[in-house]
Amino acid sequence: MTPDEIMRMPEDQSVLIFSNARPVKATKAFQFKLFPGADHLVNLSQNEYQGQPEASQETNFKNKVDKWNQTVKAQHQAKKDDQTTDDEEDKLQDNIDQELESRHKKMLG
């Protein structure tokens, strides 16, 4: 079909395109035309919808939240263990400086 033919298609026609298959020209099925009055059988409102998760979903969610909290706690602990105080950092730097100075003296010898 050319782009012009697609633009001139009636509103109740469609072209279905699937991967690795030829396109299919089909007639649209409007549910309210097929089942007139079906919208009055049930009173549904999206604003009033209250989803109720299943117990397995709640358990799975709780397990994932617990696992996440443990990971965050472990990261915070590792970060805390990695931090040194200013005095400790000064001592470490002094030790490094002394080691470098002693190596330098040995090299000059």
PDB file of N, CA and C in Angstrom:
ATOM      1  N   MET A   1       0.837  -1.176   0.000  1.00  0.00           N
ATOM      2  CA  MET A   1       0.000   0.000   0.000  1.00  0.00           C
ATOM      3  C   MET A   1       0.881   1.238   0.000  1.00  0.00           C
ATOM      4  N   THR A   2       0.417   2.237  -0.673  1.00  0.00           N
ATOM      5  CA  THR A   2       1.136   3.501  -0.686  1.00  0.00           C
ATOM      6  C   THR A   2       0.690   4.341   0.508  1.00  0.00           C
ATOM      7  N   PRO A   3       1.487   5.336   0.876  1.00  0.00           N
ATOM      8  CA  PRO A   3       1.078   6.208   1.979  1.00  0.00           C
ATOM      9  C   PRO A   3      -0.280   6.858   1.735  1.00  0.00           C
ATOM     10  N   ASP A   4      -0.565   7.182   0.491  1.00  0.00           N
ATOM     11  CA  ASP A   4      -1.851   7.793   0.160  1.00  0.00           C
ATOM     12  C   ASP A   4      -3.003   6.825   0.421  1.00  0.00           C
ATOM     13  N   GLU A   5      -2.811   5.554   0.079  1.00  0.00           N
ATOM     14  CA  GLU A   5      -3.857   4.548   0.323  1.00  0.00           C
ATOM     15  C   GLU A   5      -4.092   4.359   1.819  1.00  0.00           C
ATOM     16  N   ILE A   6      -3.032   4.406   2.570  1.00  0.00           N
ATOM     17  CA  ILE A   6      -3.168   4.259   4.029  1.00  0.00           C
ATOM     18  C   ILE A   6      -3.922   5.454   4.608  1.00  0.00           C
ATOM     19  N   MET A   7      -3.621   6.644   4.113  1.00  0.00           N
ATOM     20  CA  MET A   7      -4.305   7.846   4.608  1.00  0.00           C
ATOM     21  C   MET A   7      -5.793   7.840   4.253  1.00  0.00           C
ATOM     22  N   ARG A   8      -6.154   7.205   3.132  1.00  0.00           N
ATOM     23  CA  ARG A   8      -7.546   7.188   2.689  1.00  0.00           C
ATOM     24  C   ARG A   8      -8.320   5.981   3.204  1.00  0.00           C
ATOM     25  N   MET A   9      -7.694   5.161   4.049  1.00  0.00           N
ATOM     26  CA  MET A   9      -8.400   3.984   4.580  1.00  0.00           C
ATOM     27  C   MET A   9      -9.564   4.426   5.453  1.00  0.00           C
ATOM     28  N   PRO A  10     -10.671   3.679   5.431  1.00  0.00           N
ATOM     29  CA  PRO A  10     -11.785   4.006   6.331  1.00  0.00           C
ATOM     30  C   PRO A  10     -11.360   3.822   7.794  1.00  0.00           C
ATOM     31  N   GLU A  11     -12.078   4.501   8.682  1.00  0.00           N
ATOM     32  CA  GLU A  11     -11.716   4.437  10.097  1.00  0.00           C
ATOM     33  C   GLU A  11     -11.918   3.061  10.705  1.00  0.00           C
ATOM     34  N   ASP A  12     -12.702   2.212  10.085  1.00  0.00           N
ATOM     35  CA  ASP A  12     -12.913   0.878  10.639  1.00  0.00           C
ATOM     36  C   ASP A  12     -11.935  -0.145  10.055  1.00  0.00           C
ATOM     37  N   GLN A  13     -10.947   0.296   9.298  1.00  0.00           N
ATOM     38  CA  GLN A  13      -9.918  -0.568   8.730  1.00  0.00           C
ATOM     39  C   GLN A  13      -8.579  -0.254   9.396  1.00  0.00           C
ATOM     40  N   SER A  14      -7.698  -1.252   9.451  1.00  0.00           N
ATOM     41  CA  SER A  14      -6.366  -1.040  10.009  1.00  0.00           C
ATOM     42  C   SER A  14      -5.366  -1.939   9.307  1.00  0.00           C
ATOM     43  N   VAL A  15      -4.110  -1.629   9.463  1.00  0.00           N
ATOM     44  CA  VAL A  15      -3.026  -2.453   8.939  1.00  0.00           C
ATOM     45  C   VAL A  15      -2.248  -2.962  10.141  1.00  0.00           C
ATOM     46  N   LEU A  16      -2.163  -4.276  10.277  1.00  0.00           N
ATOM     47  CA  LEU A  16      -1.420  -4.900  11.371  1.00  0.00           C
ATOM     48  C   LEU A  16      -0.063  -5.314  10.849  1.00  0.00           C
ATOM     49  N   ILE A  17       0.987  -4.877  11.531  1.00  0.00           N
ATOM     50  CA  ILE A  17       2.346  -5.182  11.099  1.00  0.00           C
ATOM     51  C   ILE A  17       3.011  -6.025  12.182  1.00  0.00           C
ATOM     52  N   PHE A  18       3.454  -7.208  11.800  1.00  0.00           N
ATOM     53  CA  PHE A  18       4.149  -8.119  12.707  1.00  0.00           C
ATOM     54  C   PHE A  18       5.575  -8.296  12.210  1.00  0.00           C
ATOM     55  N   SER A  19       6.489  -8.560  13.114  1.00  0.00           N
ATOM     56  CA  SER A  19       7.870  -8.773  12.685  1.00  0.00           C
ATOM     57  C   SER A  19       7.960 -10.092  11.917  1.00  0.00           C
ATOM     58  N   ASN A  20       8.763 -10.090  10.881  1.00  0.00           N
ATOM     59  CA  ASN A  20       9.007 -11.260  10.027  1.00  0.00           C
ATOM     60  C   ASN A  20       7.740 -11.825   9.405  1.00  0.00           C
ATOM     61  N   ALA A  21       6.768 -10.960   9.142  1.00  0.00           N
ATOM     62  CA  ALA A  21       5.535 -11.411   8.491  1.00  0.00           C
ATOM     63  C   ALA A  21       5.009 -10.267   7.627  1.00  0.00           C
ATOM     64  N   ARG A  22       4.173 -10.626   6.669  1.00  0.00           N
ATOM     65  CA  ARG A  22       3.586  -9.618   5.797  1.00  0.00           C
ATOM     66  C   ARG A  22       2.497  -8.854   6.561  1.00  0.00           C
ATOM     67  N   PRO A  23       2.303  -7.574   6.234  1.00  0.00           N
ATOM     68  CA  PRO A  23       1.239  -6.807   6.886  1.00  0.00           C
ATOM     69  C   PRO A  23      -0.135  -7.393   6.573  1.00  0.00           C
ATOM     70  N   VAL A  24      -1.055  -7.221   7.500  1.00  0.00           N
ATOM     71  CA  VAL A  24      -2.413  -7.747   7.343  1.00  0.00           C
ATOM     72  C   VAL A  24      -3.382  -6.573   7.402  1.00  0.00           C
ATOM     73  N   LYS A  25      -4.272  -6.497   6.430  1.00  0.00           N
ATOM     74  CA  LYS A  25      -5.324  -5.482   6.431  1.00  0.00           C
ATOM     75  C   LYS A  25      -6.509  -6.089   7.166  1.00  0.00           C
ATOM     76  N   ALA A  26      -6.981  -5.414   8.212  1.00  0.00           N
ATOM     77  CA  ALA A  26      -8.028  -5.981   9.057  1.00  0.00           C
ATOM     78  C   ALA A  26      -9.107  -4.947   9.350  1.00  0.00           C
ATOM     79  N   THR A  27     -10.266  -5.464   9.729  1.00  0.00           N
ATOM     80  CA  THR A  27     -11.372  -4.604  10.154  1.00  0.00           C
ATOM     81  C   THR A  27     -11.294  -4.459  11.669  1.00  0.00           C
ATOM     82  N   LYS A  28     -11.391  -3.245  12.140  1.00  0.00           N
ATOM     83  CA  LYS A  28     -11.339  -2.991  13.573  1.00  0.00           C
ATOM     84  C   LYS A  28     -12.613  -3.508  14.238  1.00  0.00           C
ATOM     85  N   ALA A  29     -12.451  -4.049  15.452  1.00  0.00           N
ATOM     86  CA  ALA A  29     -13.600  -4.530  16.222  1.00  0.00           C
ATOM     87  C   ALA A  29     -13.789  -3.593  17.408  1.00  0.00           C
ATOM     88  N   PHE A  30     -14.770  -2.731  17.334  1.00  0.00           N
ATOM     89  CA  PHE A  30     -15.061  -1.809  18.426  1.00  0.00           C
ATOM     90  C   PHE A  30     -15.954  -2.525  19.431  1.00  0.00           C
ATOM     91  N   GLN A  31     -15.452  -2.672  20.653  1.00  0.00           N
ATOM     92  CA  GLN A  31     -16.183  -3.467  21.642  1.00  0.00           C
ATOM     93  C   GLN A  31     -17.561  -2.901  21.964  1.00  0.00           C
ATOM     94  N   PHE A  32     -17.728  -1.592  21.919  1.00  0.00           N
ATOM     95  CA  PHE A  32     -19.027  -1.027  22.260  1.00  0.00           C
ATOM     96  C   PHE A  32     -20.011  -1.109  21.102  1.00  0.00           C
ATOM     97  N   LYS A  33     -19.509  -1.372  19.881  1.00  0.00           N
ATOM     98  CA  LYS A  33     -20.407  -1.646  18.762  1.00  0.00           C
ATOM     99  C   LYS A  33     -20.782  -3.120  18.745  1.00  0.00           C
ATOM    100  N   LEU A  34     -19.837  -3.989  19.125  1.00  0.00           N
ATOM    101  CA  LEU A  34     -20.110  -5.431  19.169  1.00  0.00           C
ATOM    102  C   LEU A  34     -21.050  -5.775  20.319  1.00  0.00           C
ATOM    103  N   PHE A  35     -20.878  -5.097  21.446  1.00  0.00           N
ATOM    104  CA  PHE A  35     -21.680  -5.374  22.640  1.00  0.00           C
ATOM    105  C   PHE A  35     -22.342  -4.081  23.113  1.00  0.00           C
ATOM    106  N   PRO A  36     -23.377  -3.637  22.432  1.00  0.00           N
ATOM    107  CA  PRO A  36     -24.013  -2.376  22.847  1.00  0.00           C
ATOM    108  C   PRO A  36     -24.619  -2.509  24.242  1.00  0.00           C
ATOM    109  N   GLY A  37     -24.456  -1.485  25.044  1.00  0.00           N
ATOM    110  CA  GLY A  37     -25.004  -1.490  26.394  1.00  0.00           C
ATOM    111  C   GLY A  37     -24.120  -2.188  27.413  1.00  0.00           C
ATOM    112  N   ALA A  38     -22.979  -2.723  26.989  1.00  0.00           N
ATOM    113  CA  ALA A  38     -22.109  -3.440  27.925  1.00  0.00           C
ATOM    114  C   ALA A  38     -21.514  -2.496  28.966  1.00  0.00           C
ATOM    115  N   ASP A  39     -21.369  -1.236  28.602  1.00  0.00           N
ATOM    116  CA  ASP A  39     -20.790  -0.290  29.550  1.00  0.00           C
ATOM    117  C   ASP A  39     -21.719   0.005  30.719  1.00  0.00           C
ATOM    118  N   HIS A  40     -22.985  -0.314  30.605  1.00  0.00           N
ATOM    119  CA  HIS A  40     -23.932  -0.061  31.689  1.00  0.00           C
ATOM    120  C   HIS A  40     -24.099  -1.280  32.606  1.00  0.00           C
ATOM    121  N   LEU A  41     -23.538  -2.418  32.210  1.00  0.00           N
ATOM    122  CA  LEU A  41     -23.665  -3.626  33.026  1.00  0.00           C
ATOM    123  C   LEU A  41     -22.842  -3.539  34.305  1.00  0.00           C
ATOM    124  N   VAL A  42     -21.696  -2.879  34.226  1.00  0.00           N
ATOM    125  CA  VAL A  42     -20.806  -2.764  35.383  1.00  0.00           C
ATOM    126  C   VAL A  42     -20.435  -1.299  35.546  1.00  0.00           C
ATOM    127  N   ASN A  43     -20.497  -0.815  36.768  1.00  0.00           N
ATOM    128  CA  ASN A  43     -20.116   0.562  37.044  1.00  0.00           C
ATOM    129  C   ASN A  43     -18.649   0.584  37.460  1.00  0.00           C
ATOM    130  N   LEU A  44     -17.769   0.994  36.549  1.00  0.00           N
ATOM    131  CA  LEU A  44     -16.337   1.042  36.818  1.00  0.00           C
ATOM    132  C   LEU A  44     -15.859   2.483  36.794  1.00  0.00           C
ATOM    133  N   SER A  45     -15.015   2.823  37.752  1.00  0.00           N
ATOM    134  CA  SER A  45     -14.416   4.147  37.796  1.00  0.00           C
ATOM    135  C   SER A  45     -12.935   3.990  38.088  1.00  0.00           C
ATOM    136  N   GLN A  46     -12.099   4.534  37.233  1.00  0.00           N
ATOM    137  CA  GLN A  46     -10.656   4.418  37.437  1.00  0.00           C
ATOM    138  C   GLN A  46     -10.218   5.183  38.680  1.00  0.00           C
ATOM    139  N   ASN A  47     -10.913   6.249  39.007  1.00  0.00           N
ATOM    140  CA  ASN A  47     -10.527   7.040  40.169  1.00  0.00           C
ATOM    141  C   ASN A  47     -10.815   6.327  41.480  1.00  0.00           C
ATOM    142  N   GLU A  48     -11.776   5.419  41.482  1.00  0.00           N
ATOM    143  CA  GLU A  48     -12.146   4.721  42.711  1.00  0.00           C
ATOM    144  C   GLU A  48     -11.497   3.343  42.818  1.00  0.00           C
ATOM    145  N   TYR A  49     -10.649   2.987  41.863  1.00  0.00           N
ATOM    146  CA  TYR A  49     -10.032   1.658  41.866  1.00  0.00           C
ATOM    147  C   TYR A  49      -9.089   1.506  43.046  1.00  0.00           C
ATOM    148  N   GLN A  50      -9.241   0.420  43.767  1.00  0.00           N
ATOM    149  CA  GLN A  50      -8.371   0.091  44.889  1.00  0.00           C
ATOM    150  C   GLN A  50      -7.787  -1.295  44.640  1.00  0.00           C
ATOM    151  N   GLY A  51      -6.567  -1.340  44.179  1.00  0.00           N
ATOM    152  CA  GLY A  51      -5.913  -2.626  43.912  1.00  0.00           C
ATOM    153  C   GLY A  51      -5.565  -3.339  45.203  1.00  0.00           C
ATOM    154  N   GLN A  52      -5.769  -4.628  45.236  1.00  0.00           N
ATOM    155  CA  GLN A  52      -5.441  -5.444  46.399  1.00  0.00           C
ATOM    156  C   GLN A  52      -4.339  -6.423  46.007  1.00  0.00           C
ATOM    157  N   PRO A  53      -3.109  -6.208  46.480  1.00  0.00           N
ATOM    158  CA  PRO A  53      -2.030  -7.134  46.124  1.00  0.00           C
ATOM    159  C   PRO A  53      -2.231  -8.487  46.807  1.00  0.00           C
ATOM    160  N   GLU A  54      -1.744  -9.518  46.134  1.00  0.00           N
ATOM    161  CA  GLU A  54      -1.817 -10.867  46.703  1.00  0.00           C
ATOM    162  C   GLU A  54      -0.750 -10.997  47.785  1.00  0.00           C
ATOM    163  N   ALA A  55      -0.913 -11.997  48.628  1.00  0.00           N
ATOM    164  CA  ALA A  55       0.023 -12.209  49.728  1.00  0.00           C
ATOM    165  C   ALA A  55       1.431 -12.487  49.197  1.00  0.00           C
ATOM    166  N   SER A  56       1.536 -13.223  48.101  1.00  0.00           N
ATOM    167  CA  SER A  56       2.852 -13.531  47.544  1.00  0.00           C
ATOM    168  C   SER A  56       3.536 -12.259  47.033  1.00  0.00           C
ATOM    169  N   GLN A  57       2.744 -11.342  46.472  1.00  0.00           N
ATOM    170  CA  GLN A  57       3.315 -10.076  46.006  1.00  0.00           C
ATOM    171  C   GLN A  57       3.824  -9.253  47.186  1.00  0.00           C
ATOM    172  N   GLU A  58       3.054  -9.221  48.254  1.00  0.00           N
ATOM    173  CA  GLU A  58       3.470  -8.466  49.437  1.00  0.00           C
ATOM    174  C   GLU A  58       4.728  -9.072  50.051  1.00  0.00           C
ATOM    175  N   THR A  59       4.786 -10.398  50.114  1.00  0.00           N
ATOM    176  CA  THR A  59       5.958 -11.077  50.661  1.00  0.00           C
ATOM    177  C   THR A  59       7.178 -10.794  49.806  1.00  0.00           C
ATOM    178  N   ASN A  60       7.015 -10.900  48.494  1.00  0.00           N
ATOM    179  CA  ASN A  60       8.117 -10.636  47.578  1.00  0.00           C
ATOM    180  C   ASN A  60       8.603  -9.198  47.718  1.00  0.00           C
ATOM    181  N   PHE A  61       7.671  -8.261  47.806  1.00  0.00           N
ATOM    182  CA  PHE A  61       8.031  -6.854  47.970  1.00  0.00           C
ATOM    183  C   PHE A  61       8.778  -6.637  49.279  1.00  0.00           C
ATOM    184  N   LYS A  62       8.274  -7.232  50.358  1.00  0.00           N
ATOM    185  CA  LYS A  62       8.918  -7.074  51.667  1.00  0.00           C
ATOM    186  C   LYS A  62      10.335  -7.646  51.639  1.00  0.00           C
ATOM    187  N   ASN A  63      10.506  -8.802  51.000  1.00  0.00           N
ATOM    188  CA  ASN A  63      11.839  -9.406  50.905  1.00  0.00           C
ATOM    189  C   ASN A  63      12.797  -8.502  50.133  1.00  0.00           C
ATOM    190  N   LYS A  64      12.302  -7.916  49.050  1.00  0.00           N
ATOM    191  CA  LYS A  64      13.158  -7.027  48.266  1.00  0.00           C
ATOM    192  C   LYS A  64      13.509  -5.759  49.035  1.00  0.00           C
ATOM    193  N   VAL A  65      12.562  -5.226  49.782  1.00  0.00           N
ATOM    194  CA  VAL A  65      12.831  -4.040  50.595  1.00  0.00           C
ATOM    195  C   VAL A  65      13.854  -4.374  51.673  1.00  0.00           C
ATOM    196  N   ASP A  66      13.707  -5.529  52.326  1.00  0.00           N
ATOM    197  CA  ASP A  66      14.669  -5.947  53.349  1.00  0.00           C
ATOM    198  C   ASP A  66      16.064  -6.116  52.763  1.00  0.00           C
ATOM    199  N   LYS A  67      16.128  -6.740  51.591  1.00  0.00           N
ATOM    200  CA  LYS A  67      17.421  -6.942  50.927  1.00  0.00           C
ATOM    201  C   LYS A  67      18.047  -5.600  50.577  1.00  0.00           C
ATOM    202  N   TRP A  68      17.235  -4.668  50.091  1.00  0.00           N
ATOM    203  CA  TRP A  68      17.725  -3.337  49.758  1.00  0.00           C
ATOM    204  C   TRP A  68      18.243  -2.629  51.004  1.00  0.00           C
ATOM    205  N   ASN A  69      17.488  -2.710  52.095  1.00  0.00           N
ATOM    206  CA  ASN A  69      17.917  -2.065  53.336  1.00  0.00           C
ATOM    207  C   ASN A  69      19.229  -2.644  53.843  1.00  0.00           C
ATOM    208  N   GLN A  70      19.404  -3.964  53.722  1.00  0.00           N
ATOM    209  CA  GLN A  70      20.655  -4.600  54.134  1.00  0.00           C
ATOM    210  C   GLN A  70      21.817  -4.123  53.270  1.00  0.00           C
ATOM    211  N   THR A  71      21.570  -3.985  51.968  1.00  0.00           N
ATOM    212  CA  THR A  71      22.615  -3.518  51.056  1.00  0.00           C
ATOM    213  C   THR A  71      23.011  -2.087  51.401  1.00  0.00           C
ATOM    214  N   VAL A  72      22.023  -1.237  51.643  1.00  0.00           N
ATOM    215  CA  VAL A  72      22.303   0.155  51.987  1.00  0.00           C
ATOM    216  C   VAL A  72      23.059   0.222  53.311  1.00  0.00           C
ATOM    217  N   LYS A  73      22.635  -0.583  54.266  1.00  0.00           N
ATOM    218  CA  LYS A  73      23.295  -0.599  55.574  1.00  0.00           C
ATOM    219  C   LYS A  73      24.744  -1.053  55.434  1.00  0.00           C
ATOM    220  N   ALA A  74      24.983  -2.086  54.627  1.00  0.00           N
ATOM    221  CA  ALA A  74      26.344  -2.577  54.408  1.00  0.00           C
ATOM    222  C   ALA A  74      27.203  -1.513  53.719  1.00  0.00           C
ATOM    223  N   GLN A  75      26.617  -0.790  52.761  1.00  0.00           N
ATOM    224  CA  GLN A  75      27.362   0.275  52.086  1.00  0.00           C
ATOM    225  C   GLN A  75      27.707   1.398  53.053  1.00  0.00           C
ATOM    226  N   HIS A  76      26.763   1.760  53.911  1.00  0.00           N
ATOM    227  CA  HIS A  76      27.023   2.808  54.905  1.00  0.00           C
ATOM    228  C   HIS A  76      28.102   2.360  55.888  1.00  0.00           C
ATOM    229  N   GLN A  77      28.064   1.087  56.285  1.00  0.00           N
ATOM    230  CA  GLN A  77      29.069   0.572  57.215  1.00  0.00           C
ATOM    231  C   GLN A  77      30.440   0.560  56.554  1.00  0.00           C
ATOM    232  N   ALA A  78      30.495   0.132  55.283  1.00  0.00           N
ATOM    233  CA  ALA A  78      31.771   0.112  54.573  1.00  0.00           C
ATOM    234  C   ALA A  78      32.319   1.525  54.414  1.00  0.00           C
ATOM    235  N   LYS A  79      31.446   2.463  54.133  1.00  0.00           N
ATOM    236  CA  LYS A  79      31.866   3.854  53.989  1.00  0.00           C
ATOM    237  C   LYS A  79      32.362   4.397  55.326  1.00  0.00           C
ATOM    238  N   LYS A  80      31.665   4.022  56.399  1.00  0.00           N
ATOM    239  CA  LYS A  80      32.063   4.469  57.733  1.00  0.00           C
ATOM    240  C   LYS A  80      33.415   3.869  58.111  1.00  0.00           C
ATOM    241  N   ASP A  81      33.616   2.582  57.781  1.00  0.00           N
ATOM    242  CA  ASP A  81      34.880   1.925  58.079  1.00  0.00           C
ATOM    243  C   ASP A  81      36.022   2.514  57.253  1.00  0.00           C
ATOM    244  N   ASP A  82      35.704   3.003  56.067  1.00  0.00           N
ATOM    245  CA  ASP A  82      36.711   3.573  55.179  1.00  0.00           C
ATOM    246  C   ASP A  82      37.172   4.953  55.635  1.00  0.00           C
ATOM    247  N   GLN A  83      36.336   5.651  56.367  1.00  0.00           N
ATOM    248  CA  GLN A  83      36.665   7.008  56.771  1.00  0.00           C
ATOM    249  C   GLN A  83      37.691   6.991  57.893  1.00  0.00           C
ATOM    250  N   THR A  84      38.642   7.917  57.796  1.00  0.00           N
ATOM    251  CA  THR A  84      39.639   8.058  58.851  1.00  0.00           C
ATOM    252  C   THR A  84      39.516   9.454  59.446  1.00  0.00           C
ATOM    253  N   THR A  85      39.917   9.561  60.692  1.00  0.00           N
ATOM    254  CA  THR A  85      39.882  10.872  61.335  1.00  0.00           C
ATOM    255  C   THR A  85      41.080  11.685  60.851  1.00  0.00           C
ATOM    256  N   ASP A  86      41.070  12.966  61.146  1.00  0.00           N
ATOM    257  CA  ASP A  86      42.172  13.836  60.718  1.00  0.00           C
ATOM    258  C   ASP A  86      43.488  13.403  61.349  1.00  0.00           C
ATOM    259  N   ASP A  87      43.454  13.002  62.636  1.00  0.00           N
ATOM    260  CA  ASP A  87      44.677  12.556  63.321  1.00  0.00           C
ATOM    261  C   ASP A  87      45.227  11.292  62.670  1.00  0.00           C
ATOM    262  N   GLU A  88      44.318  10.335  62.363  1.00  0.00           N
ATOM    263  CA  GLU A  88      44.765   9.102  61.720  1.00  0.00           C
ATOM    264  C   GLU A  88      45.359   9.397  60.349  1.00  0.00           C
ATOM    265  N   GLU A  89      44.733  10.308  59.624  1.00  0.00           N
ATOM    266  CA  GLU A  89      45.226  10.657  58.292  1.00  0.00           C
ATOM    267  C   GLU A  89      46.599  11.325  58.377  1.00  0.00           C
ATOM    268  N   ASP A  90      46.775  12.190  59.364  1.00  0.00           N
ATOM    269  CA  ASP A  90      48.073  12.844  59.550  1.00  0.00           C
ATOM    270  C   ASP A  90      49.154  11.813  59.867  1.00  0.00           C
ATOM    271  N   LYS A  91      48.843  10.852  60.752  1.00  0.00           N
ATOM    272  CA  LYS A  91      49.804   9.805  61.099  1.00  0.00           C
ATOM    273  C   LYS A  91      50.152   8.954  59.872  1.00  0.00           C
ATOM    274  N   LEU A  92      49.146   8.600  59.094  1.00  0.00           N
ATOM    275  CA  LEU A  92      49.403   7.820  57.885  1.00  0.00           C
ATOM    276  C   LEU A  92      50.282   8.601  56.910  1.00  0.00           C
ATOM    277  N   GLN A  93      50.011   9.877  56.739  1.00  0.00           N
ATOM    278  CA  GLN A  93      50.811  10.698  55.827  1.00  0.00           C
ATOM    279  C   GLN A  93      52.240  10.829  56.337  1.00  0.00           C
ATOM    280  N   ASP A  94      52.401  10.988  57.666  1.00  0.00           N
ATOM    281  CA  ASP A  94      53.742  11.069  58.247  1.00  0.00           C
ATOM    282  C   ASP A  94      54.507   9.772  58.004  1.00  0.00           C
ATOM    283  N   ASN A  95      53.849   8.635  58.188  1.00  0.00           N
ATOM    284  CA  ASN A  95      54.500   7.344  57.950  1.00  0.00           C
ATOM    285  C   ASN A  95      54.928   7.209  56.488  1.00  0.00           C
ATOM    286  N   ILE A  96      54.073   7.638  55.568  1.00  0.00           N
ATOM    287  CA  ILE A  96      54.403   7.569  54.142  1.00  0.00           C
ATOM    288  C   ILE A  96      55.590   8.475  53.840  1.00  0.00           C
ATOM    289  N   ASP A  97      55.568   9.682  54.410  1.00  0.00           N
ATOM    290  CA  ASP A  97      56.666  10.627  54.191  1.00  0.00           C
ATOM    291  C   ASP A  97      57.980  10.059  54.721  1.00  0.00           C
ATOM    292  N   GLN A  98      57.964   9.474  55.916  1.00  0.00           N
ATOM    293  CA  GLN A  98      59.175   8.895  56.503  1.00  0.00           C
ATOM    294  C   GLN A  98      59.686   7.736  55.647  1.00  0.00           C
ATOM    295  N   GLU A  99      58.766   6.893  55.169  1.00  0.00           N
ATOM    296  CA  GLU A  99      59.160   5.755  54.329  1.00  0.00           C
ATOM    297  C   GLU A  99      59.802   6.241  53.032  1.00  0.00           C
ATOM    298  N   LEU A 100      59.218   7.266  52.406  1.00  0.00           N
ATOM    299  CA  LEU A 100      59.777   7.811  51.173  1.00  0.00           C
ATOM    300  C   LEU A 100      61.147   8.450  51.424  1.00  0.00           C
ATOM    301  N   GLU A 101      61.271   9.143  52.548  1.00  0.00           N
ATOM    302  CA  GLU A 101      62.555   9.769  52.877  1.00  0.00           C
ATOM    303  C   GLU A 101      63.641   8.732  53.107  1.00  0.00           C
ATOM    304  N   SER A 102      63.279   7.646  53.790  1.00  0.00           N
ATOM    305  CA  SER A 102      64.276   6.592  54.035  1.00  0.00           C
ATOM    306  C   SER A 102      64.661   5.890  52.731  1.00  0.00           C
ATOM    307  N   ARG A 103      63.739   5.679  51.840  1.00  0.00           N
ATOM    308  CA  ARG A 103      64.057   5.075  50.530  1.00  0.00           C
ATOM    309  C   ARG A 103      64.947   6.012  49.712  1.00  0.00           C
ATOM    310  N   HIS A 104      64.656   7.302  49.791  1.00  0.00           N
ATOM    311  CA  HIS A 104      65.414   8.289  49.051  1.00  0.00           C
ATOM    312  C   HIS A 104      66.874   8.301  49.543  1.00  0.00           C
ATOM    313  N   LYS A 105      67.038   8.235  50.883  1.00  0.00           N
ATOM    314  CA  LYS A 105      68.394   8.216  51.454  1.00  0.00           C
ATOM    315  C   LYS A 105      69.136   6.965  51.049  1.00  0.00           C
ATOM    316  N   LYS A 106      68.448   5.817  51.013  1.00  0.00           N
ATOM    317  CA  LYS A 106      69.082   4.562  50.617  1.00  0.00           C
ATOM    318  C   LYS A 106      69.541   4.636  49.163  1.00  0.00           C
ATOM    319  N   MET A 107      68.729   5.266  48.323  1.00  0.00           N
ATOM    320  CA  MET A 107      69.060   5.372  46.904  1.00  0.00           C
ATOM    321  C   MET A 107      70.290   6.278  46.706  1.00  0.00           C
ATOM    322  N   LEU A 108      70.353   7.342  47.503  1.00  0.00           N
ATOM    323  CA  LEU A 108      71.496   8.266  47.374  1.00  0.00           C
ATOM    324  C   LEU A 108      72.718   7.696  48.045  1.00  0.00           C
ATOM    325  N   GLY A 109      72.505   6.837  49.003  1.00  0.00           N
ATOM    326  CA  GLY A 109      73.432   6.067  49.695  1.00  0.00           C
ATOM    327  C   GLY A 109      74.702   6.259  50.165  1.00  0.00           C
TER     328      GLY A 109
END
